[in-house]
Amino acid sequence: MASNSQKTILLALILAISIPISKCGEEESSTRLDELCSENNRPNDCRNILKSEWSRFDLSDDRAVAGAVVELAIAKSKEIYDRIYQHHLDSGDEGLKSKYLSCAISYYDANCNLEMARRTLDFDEFPDISGDVGGVEEEVVSCRREFREESLDPGRARGADEEIGLYLEMIRAAAGRVPKEEAEALT
């Protein structure tokens, strides 16, 4: 039977071996996400978003990373849709109600395009989701046009395209890596 000191030494050895191994994987995943974020116009914002959602990422392949980024974009788009639609419901001004409803519909359609991007990543051998991302951009720009610079916008719908825009940049960067990885695996 092993004594307490032998058990303690064995536990210490196991921990000493496992900690550097886990740190190595963490450093590699951090490097991959930093590379992804460096391809965006707002790399610090990208890193902050991704670090808060670290557990969603399987960094072993780029398709999984792209899928996780699309999931984050879907969640953000739904959040924006809910916020804008609530302003539609709460507004007493018929002009604002109409604008907010139009924007809410645009974000609903943007969500549909993001869902298509997710399906494209899931099922296509060499995914090209640029058309889906372009559709999202068209929808959010149409919302921005509803609120010209001089118009009242208590729901901040005019700036929502900047919120979702970062996610779209992240999707493009992540999806752009998928074909490279799969083409290399085939050769």
C-alpha atoms as a PDB file:
ATOM      1  CA  MET A   1       0.000   0.000   0.000  1.00  0.00           C
ATOM      2  CA  ALA A   2       1.386   3.377  -0.962  1.00  0.00           C
ATOM      3  CA  SER A   3       1.911   5.964   1.713  1.00  0.00           C
ATOM      4  CA  ASN A   4       0.455   9.435   1.590  1.00  0.00           C
ATOM      5  CA  SER A   5       3.815  10.906   0.626  1.00  0.00           C
ATOM      6  CA  GLN A   6       4.123   8.488  -2.316  1.00  0.00           C
ATOM      7  CA  LYS A   7       0.603   9.395  -3.461  1.00  0.00           C
ATOM      8  CA  THR A   8       1.445  13.085  -3.172  1.00  0.00           C
ATOM      9  CA  ILE A   9       4.642  12.653  -5.212  1.00  0.00           C
ATOM     10  CA  LEU A  10       2.766  10.677  -7.882  1.00  0.00           C
ATOM     11  CA  LEU A  11       0.035  13.336  -8.089  1.00  0.00           C
ATOM     12  CA  ALA A  12       2.671  16.081  -8.338  1.00  0.00           C
ATOM     13  CA  LEU A  13       4.392  14.246 -11.203  1.00  0.00           C
ATOM     14  CA  ILE A  14       1.123  13.784 -13.076  1.00  0.00           C
ATOM     15  CA  LEU A  15       0.298  17.473 -12.682  1.00  0.00           C
ATOM     16  CA  ALA A  16       3.807  18.517 -13.714  1.00  0.00           C
ATOM     17  CA  ILE A  17       3.493  16.534 -16.927  1.00  0.00           C
ATOM     18  CA  SER A  18      -0.090  17.491 -17.799  1.00  0.00           C
ATOM     19  CA  ILE A  19       0.113  21.249 -17.229  1.00  0.00           C
ATOM     20  CA  PRO A  20       2.751  21.943 -19.931  1.00  0.00           C
ATOM     21  CA  ILE A  21       0.842  19.738 -22.396  1.00  0.00           C
ATOM     22  CA  SER A  22      -2.403  21.646 -21.841  1.00  0.00           C
ATOM     23  CA  LYS A  23      -0.576  24.975 -22.062  1.00  0.00           C
ATOM     24  CA  CYS A  24       0.889  23.957 -25.422  1.00  0.00           C
ATOM     25  CA  GLY A  25      -2.571  23.331 -26.893  1.00  0.00           C
ATOM     26  CA  GLU A  26      -3.855  26.566 -25.420  1.00  0.00           C
ATOM     27  CA  GLU A  27      -0.979  28.538 -26.970  1.00  0.00           C
ATOM     28  CA  GLU A  28      -1.597  26.914 -30.366  1.00  0.00           C
ATOM     29  CA  SER A  29      -5.304  27.721 -30.266  1.00  0.00           C
ATOM     30  CA  SER A  30      -4.591  31.266 -29.145  1.00  0.00           C
ATOM     31  CA  THR A  31      -2.182  31.663 -32.068  1.00  0.00           C
ATOM     32  CA  ARG A  32      -4.791  30.372 -34.558  1.00  0.00           C
ATOM     33  CA  LEU A  33      -7.415  32.786 -33.261  1.00  0.00           C
ATOM     34  CA  ASP A  34      -4.932  35.671 -33.264  1.00  0.00           C
ATOM     35  CA  GLU A  35      -4.111  34.879 -36.911  1.00  0.00           C
ATOM     36  CA  LEU A  36      -7.823  34.854 -37.738  1.00  0.00           C
ATOM     37  CA  CYS A  37      -8.404  38.175 -35.985  1.00  0.00           C
ATOM     38  CA  SER A  38      -5.405  39.780 -37.645  1.00  0.00           C
ATOM     39  CA  GLU A  39      -7.302  39.459 -40.944  1.00  0.00           C
ATOM     40  CA  ASN A  40     -10.027  41.808 -39.643  1.00  0.00           C
ATOM     41  CA  ASN A  41     -10.237  45.581 -39.517  1.00  0.00           C
ATOM     42  CA  ARG A  42     -10.871  45.468 -35.757  1.00  0.00           C
ATOM     43  CA  PRO A  43      -8.541  42.744 -34.449  1.00  0.00           C
ATOM     44  CA  ASN A  44      -8.922  43.695 -30.766  1.00  0.00           C
ATOM     45  CA  ASP A  45     -12.715  43.556 -30.941  1.00  0.00           C
ATOM     46  CA  CYS A  46     -12.446  40.216 -32.745  1.00  0.00           C
ATOM     47  CA  ARG A  47     -10.166  38.797 -30.029  1.00  0.00           C
ATOM     48  CA  ASN A  48     -12.511  40.001 -27.275  1.00  0.00           C
ATOM     49  CA  ILE A  49     -15.488  38.295 -28.903  1.00  0.00           C
ATOM     50  CA  LEU A  50     -13.637  35.057 -29.550  1.00  0.00           C
ATOM     51  CA  LYS A  51     -12.024  34.894 -26.104  1.00  0.00           C
ATOM     52  CA  SER A  52     -15.450  35.227 -24.471  1.00  0.00           C
ATOM     53  CA  GLU A  53     -16.678  32.279 -26.547  1.00  0.00           C
ATOM     54  CA  TRP A  54     -13.475  30.206 -26.367  1.00  0.00           C
ATOM     55  CA  SER A  55     -15.263  26.998 -25.376  1.00  0.00           C
ATOM     56  CA  ARG A  56     -17.225  26.937 -28.666  1.00  0.00           C
ATOM     57  CA  PHE A  57     -14.127  26.494 -30.767  1.00  0.00           C
ATOM     58  CA  ASP A  58     -12.679  23.195 -31.877  1.00  0.00           C
ATOM     59  CA  LEU A  59      -9.433  24.563 -33.165  1.00  0.00           C
ATOM     60  CA  SER A  60      -8.313  21.283 -34.645  1.00  0.00           C
ATOM     61  CA  ASP A  61      -9.791  22.224 -38.032  1.00  0.00           C
ATOM     62  CA  ASP A  62     -10.684  25.443 -39.781  1.00  0.00           C
ATOM     63  CA  ARG A  63     -14.167  24.265 -40.805  1.00  0.00           C
ATOM     64  CA  ALA A  64     -15.108  23.936 -37.117  1.00  0.00           C
ATOM     65  CA  VAL A  65     -13.751  27.419 -36.403  1.00  0.00           C
ATOM     66  CA  ALA A  66     -15.714  28.861 -39.344  1.00  0.00           C
ATOM     67  CA  GLY A  67     -18.838  27.076 -38.133  1.00  0.00           C
ATOM     68  CA  ALA A  68     -18.425  28.482 -34.628  1.00  0.00           C
ATOM     69  CA  VAL A  69     -17.942  32.003 -36.007  1.00  0.00           C
ATOM     70  CA  VAL A  70     -21.117  31.623 -38.102  1.00  0.00           C
ATOM     71  CA  GLU A  71     -22.955  30.494 -34.949  1.00  0.00           C
ATOM     72  CA  LEU A  72     -21.724  33.614 -33.137  1.00  0.00           C
ATOM     73  CA  ALA A  73     -22.922  35.786 -36.032  1.00  0.00           C
ATOM     74  CA  ILE A  74     -26.338  34.104 -35.966  1.00  0.00           C
ATOM     75  CA  ALA A  75     -26.641  34.778 -32.238  1.00  0.00           C
ATOM     76  CA  LYS A  76     -25.617  38.437 -32.714  1.00  0.00           C
ATOM     77  CA  SER A  77     -28.026  38.892 -35.630  1.00  0.00           C
ATOM     78  CA  LYS A  78     -30.883  37.434 -33.569  1.00  0.00           C
ATOM     79  CA  GLU A  79     -29.978  39.737 -30.685  1.00  0.00           C
ATOM     80  CA  ILE A  80     -30.085  42.757 -33.011  1.00  0.00           C
ATOM     81  CA  TYR A  81     -33.361  41.563 -34.561  1.00  0.00           C
ATOM     82  CA  ASP A  82     -34.948  41.202 -31.102  1.00  0.00           C
ATOM     83  CA  ARG A  83     -33.772  44.665 -30.053  1.00  0.00           C
ATOM     84  CA  ILE A  84     -35.008  46.353 -33.231  1.00  0.00           C
ATOM     85  CA  TYR A  85     -38.329  44.491 -33.244  1.00  0.00           C
ATOM     86  CA  GLN A  86     -38.905  45.482 -29.614  1.00  0.00           C
ATOM     87  CA  HIS A  87     -38.403  49.135 -30.599  1.00  0.00           C
ATOM     88  CA  HIS A  88     -40.989  48.593 -33.341  1.00  0.00           C
ATOM     89  CA  LEU A  89     -43.449  47.305 -30.748  1.00  0.00           C
ATOM     90  CA  ASP A  90     -42.660  50.016 -28.182  1.00  0.00           C
ATOM     91  CA  SER A  91     -42.625  53.060 -30.462  1.00  0.00           C
ATOM     92  CA  GLY A  92     -45.590  55.373 -30.443  1.00  0.00           C
ATOM     93  CA  ASP A  93     -44.423  57.115 -33.615  1.00  0.00           C
ATOM     94  CA  GLU A  94     -45.869  55.467 -36.731  1.00  0.00           C
ATOM     95  CA  GLY A  95     -42.917  56.564 -38.867  1.00  0.00           C
ATOM     96  CA  LEU A  96     -40.439  54.952 -36.460  1.00  0.00           C
ATOM     97  CA  LYS A  97     -42.624  51.851 -36.155  1.00  0.00           C
ATOM     98  CA  SER A  98     -42.476  51.420 -39.912  1.00  0.00           C
ATOM     99  CA  LYS A  99     -38.706  51.935 -40.071  1.00  0.00           C
ATOM    100  CA  TYR A 100     -38.067  49.535 -37.199  1.00  0.00           C
ATOM    101  CA  LEU A 101     -40.323  46.910 -38.745  1.00  0.00           C
ATOM    102  CA  SER A 102     -38.472  47.223 -42.044  1.00  0.00           C
ATOM    103  CA  CYS A 103     -35.139  46.844 -40.227  1.00  0.00           C
ATOM    104  CA  ALA A 104     -36.413  43.894 -38.216  1.00  0.00           C
ATOM    105  CA  ILE A 105     -37.452  42.184 -41.446  1.00  0.00           C
ATOM    106  CA  SER A 106     -34.001  42.907 -42.893  1.00  0.00           C
ATOM    107  CA  TYR A 107     -32.335  41.266 -39.882  1.00  0.00           C
ATOM    108  CA  TYR A 108     -34.708  38.321 -40.115  1.00  0.00           C
ATOM    109  CA  ASP A 109     -33.628  37.886 -43.740  1.00  0.00           C
ATOM    110  CA  ALA A 110     -29.985  38.331 -42.717  1.00  0.00           C
ATOM    111  CA  ASN A 111     -30.467  35.496 -40.248  1.00  0.00           C
ATOM    112  CA  CYS A 112     -31.792  33.294 -43.041  1.00  0.00           C
ATOM    113  CA  ASN A 113     -28.651  34.037 -45.066  1.00  0.00           C
ATOM    114  CA  LEU A 114     -26.460  33.185 -42.072  1.00  0.00           C
ATOM    115  CA  GLU A 115     -28.328  29.902 -41.643  1.00  0.00           C
ATOM    116  CA  MET A 116     -27.599  29.165 -45.309  1.00  0.00           C
ATOM    117  CA  ALA A 117     -23.916  29.905 -44.684  1.00  0.00           C
ATOM    118  CA  ARG A 118     -23.945  27.413 -41.815  1.00  0.00           C
ATOM    119  CA  ARG A 119     -25.534  24.750 -44.006  1.00  0.00           C
ATOM    120  CA  THR A 120     -23.031  25.469 -46.767  1.00  0.00           C
ATOM    121  CA  LEU A 121     -20.178  24.918 -44.321  1.00  0.00           C
ATOM    122  CA  ASP A 122     -21.772  21.732 -43.034  1.00  0.00           C
ATOM    123  CA  PHE A 123     -22.436  20.081 -46.378  1.00  0.00           C
ATOM    124  CA  ASP A 124     -20.195  21.456 -49.124  1.00  0.00           C
ATOM    125  CA  GLU A 125     -16.831  19.880 -49.801  1.00  0.00           C
ATOM    126  CA  PHE A 126     -15.243  23.251 -50.605  1.00  0.00           C
ATOM    127  CA  PRO A 127     -17.588  25.826 -49.120  1.00  0.00           C
ATOM    128  CA  ASP A 128     -18.009  29.212 -50.726  1.00  0.00           C
ATOM    129  CA  ILE A 129     -20.200  31.218 -48.423  1.00  0.00           C
ATOM    130  CA  SER A 130     -19.382  34.625 -49.899  1.00  0.00           C
ATOM    131  CA  GLY A 131     -22.833  34.828 -51.520  1.00  0.00           C
ATOM    132  CA  ASP A 132     -24.537  34.170 -48.191  1.00  0.00           C
ATOM    133  CA  VAL A 133     -22.371  36.758 -46.436  1.00  0.00           C
ATOM    134  CA  GLY A 134     -23.016  39.242 -49.254  1.00  0.00           C
ATOM    135  CA  GLY A 135     -26.760  38.703 -48.750  1.00  0.00           C
ATOM    136  CA  VAL A 136     -26.387  39.528 -45.057  1.00  0.00           C
ATOM    137  CA  GLU A 137     -24.532  42.721 -45.942  1.00  0.00           C
ATOM    138  CA  GLU A 138     -27.258  43.783 -48.371  1.00  0.00           C
ATOM    139  CA  GLU A 139     -29.907  43.291 -45.697  1.00  0.00           C
ATOM    140  CA  VAL A 140     -28.112  45.261 -42.996  1.00  0.00           C
ATOM    141  CA  VAL A 141     -27.272  48.091 -45.391  1.00  0.00           C
ATOM    142  CA  SER A 142     -30.954  48.355 -46.322  1.00  0.00           C
ATOM    143  CA  CYS A 143     -31.700  48.790 -42.621  1.00  0.00           C
ATOM    144  CA  ARG A 144     -29.083  51.532 -42.324  1.00  0.00           C
ATOM    145  CA  ARG A 145     -30.706  53.372 -45.249  1.00  0.00           C
ATOM    146  CA  GLU A 146     -33.986  53.496 -43.319  1.00  0.00           C
ATOM    147  CA  PHE A 147     -32.312  55.755 -40.776  1.00  0.00           C
ATOM    148  CA  ARG A 148     -30.557  58.608 -42.481  1.00  0.00           C
ATOM    149  CA  GLU A 149     -28.109  60.609 -40.423  1.00  0.00           C
ATOM    150  CA  GLU A 150     -30.710  63.230 -39.587  1.00  0.00           C
ATOM    151  CA  SER A 151     -33.475  60.862 -38.479  1.00  0.00           C
ATOM    152  CA  LEU A 152     -34.324  59.908 -34.928  1.00  0.00           C
ATOM    153  CA  ASP A 153     -33.128  56.414 -33.964  1.00  0.00           C
ATOM    154  CA  PRO A 154     -33.535  55.631 -30.252  1.00  0.00           C
ATOM    155  CA  GLY A 155     -33.118  51.901 -30.978  1.00  0.00           C
ATOM    156  CA  ARG A 156     -29.665  52.377 -32.524  1.00  0.00           C
ATOM    157  CA  ALA A 157     -30.678  50.454 -35.644  1.00  0.00           C
ATOM    158  CA  ARG A 158     -28.480  52.694 -37.794  1.00  0.00           C
ATOM    159  CA  GLY A 159     -25.302  51.412 -36.100  1.00  0.00           C
ATOM    160  CA  ALA A 160     -26.324  47.757 -35.983  1.00  0.00           C
ATOM    161  CA  ASP A 161     -24.597  47.102 -39.303  1.00  0.00           C
ATOM    162  CA  GLU A 162     -21.271  47.910 -37.644  1.00  0.00           C
ATOM    163  CA  GLU A 163     -22.009  45.384 -34.890  1.00  0.00           C
ATOM    164  CA  ILE A 164     -22.774  42.583 -37.324  1.00  0.00           C
ATOM    165  CA  GLY A 165     -20.096  43.755 -39.770  1.00  0.00           C
ATOM    166  CA  LEU A 166     -17.298  42.540 -37.509  1.00  0.00           C
ATOM    167  CA  TYR A 167     -18.868  39.078 -37.402  1.00  0.00           C
ATOM    168  CA  LEU A 168     -19.115  39.049 -41.190  1.00  0.00           C
ATOM    169  CA  GLU A 169     -15.412  39.890 -41.455  1.00  0.00           C
ATOM    170  CA  MET A 170     -14.642  37.043 -39.051  1.00  0.00           C
ATOM    171  CA  ILE A 171     -16.761  34.648 -41.136  1.00  0.00           C
ATOM    172  CA  ARG A 172     -14.957  35.600 -44.331  1.00  0.00           C
ATOM    173  CA  ALA A 173     -11.551  35.152 -42.715  1.00  0.00           C
ATOM    174  CA  ALA A 174     -12.460  31.808 -41.128  1.00  0.00           C
ATOM    175  CA  ALA A 175     -14.218  30.426 -44.200  1.00  0.00           C
ATOM    176  CA  GLY A 176     -11.336  31.512 -46.406  1.00  0.00           C
ATOM    177  CA  ARG A 177      -9.108  29.102 -44.518  1.00  0.00           C
ATOM    178  CA  VAL A 178     -11.362  26.056 -44.990  1.00  0.00           C
ATOM    179  CA  PRO A 179     -10.617  25.235 -48.635  1.00  0.00           C
ATOM    180  CA  LYS A 180      -6.876  25.675 -48.081  1.00  0.00           C
ATOM    181  CA  GLU A 181      -6.893  23.192 -45.227  1.00  0.00           C
ATOM    182  CA  GLU A 182      -8.995  20.624 -47.104  1.00  0.00           C
ATOM    183  CA  ALA A 183      -7.028  21.001 -50.346  1.00  0.00           C
ATOM    184  CA  GLU A 184      -3.796  20.413 -48.428  1.00  0.00           C
ATOM    185  CA  ALA A 185      -5.284  17.307 -46.796  1.00  0.00           C
ATOM    186  CA  LEU A 186      -6.178  15.875 -50.216  1.00  0.00           C
ATOM    187  CA  THR A 187      -2.662  16.275 -51.635  1.00  0.00           C
END
